[in-house]
Amino acid sequence: MNGALEAVDAAFGYEPGQTVFSGVSTSLRGGDLMGIVGPNGSGKSTLLRVLSGLLKPREGRVTLDGRPIGAYSPLARSRRLAFLPQSVDPAFALNAFEVVCLGRYPHAGAMGGLRRRDLEVAERCLRETGAAGLRDRDFMTLSGGERQRVLIASILAQEPAFLLLDEPTSSLDIHHQIEVFTLLQRLAGEGYSVAVVTHDLNLAARFCTGLLLLSGEEGLAAAGTPADVLTEPLLSQAYAASIRVSVNPITGTPLVTAEAVEHAP
C-alpha cells in the first residue's frame, strides 16, 4: 500500500481569530500506527478531520498521494482514505453484515447496488476483524467491543490505504481497548496507514509507532516515537499537570501517571 498522507504547517480555526491548532506537520505511510494525543480541547479530533479532508486547513496544506486532498472528489477520496468518527448509530435497524456492506459505497454499482465481489469483500472484512460470528446479529444489540470490530470491518470494506479513527476505544473496558489496539497494530503490520485519536497515553505508548502531541493554541508540542514524546517535561507542560513517566515492567514502553492534585481544605 504505497502513498502518503501529509500535512505541512497545517492550522485550523472554526471562527475568525480563533485557533484550534497550528503548526502541524506530519506524514502517514504504510505500516504506521500514529497516535494523536493531547489534553481536552487541544484539537485532536479536529486535526483528524482536517487530515481526512472533511475540514479545510486555514493555513498550510494537506496532501494525499502528493495531491491536495481538496482536489479529490468525496468518492475518489473514500477509495483511498476511510474515516471512523467517535459515534456511529445507523438510522435503520441493520445487522452486522449490512453495516459492513455500507462500507462498499465507494465501489457500489449503479443505484448503489451490491455485486458479488462487494459481498465477498464484506465477508472477508468480517473475518479479518474477528467479527464473522456477529454477521447476523442486530448491530444495536452488540457490546461496545463487538460494535468497534464491526465498524472497523466496515471501513476496511472501502478497501482504503489510510484508516483514520477518532477515539475508537473511548467507551470500552480495558480488555476491549487492548483488543481494538491489537487489531489496529495488526492492520498496520499488513501495510495499512493508521492514525488514531486517543486519550489513553499508555495504550498509545504500547501500540503506536509514532505520536503527535497537541497542546491547544500552542499547536504541535511534539512529534516522534512514544519514547521521544512521552516525557515528563513535554507532558507536564502540555497537560498543565505534574506528570510522571516510568517504564512499564511488562512491555518496556513508557508508563504515564499523573500526580494527585491537592486541594485546599
Foldseek 3Di string as FASTA:
>chain_A
DFWKKWWAQFWDDPDVPFTQFTGDTDIWFFLFEEEEEFDPSLCRVVVLCCSLVVDPTPDTFIDTRRHGPVVDDPLRSLLAEFEAEQDDDDPDWDFLLVLLLVLCQSPADPPRHDDPVLSVLSCVLCVLLVNNVRRGPGLVPDDLLNNLSSNVSSSVSSVHQEYEYEASCVPDDPVSVVSVLVSVSVNSVVTHGYYYYHHDLVSCQQRGQKYFYGQTHHHTLDIDGSVRQPDQVSRCVSVVFRKDWDADPPRRTIDIDTDDDDDDD
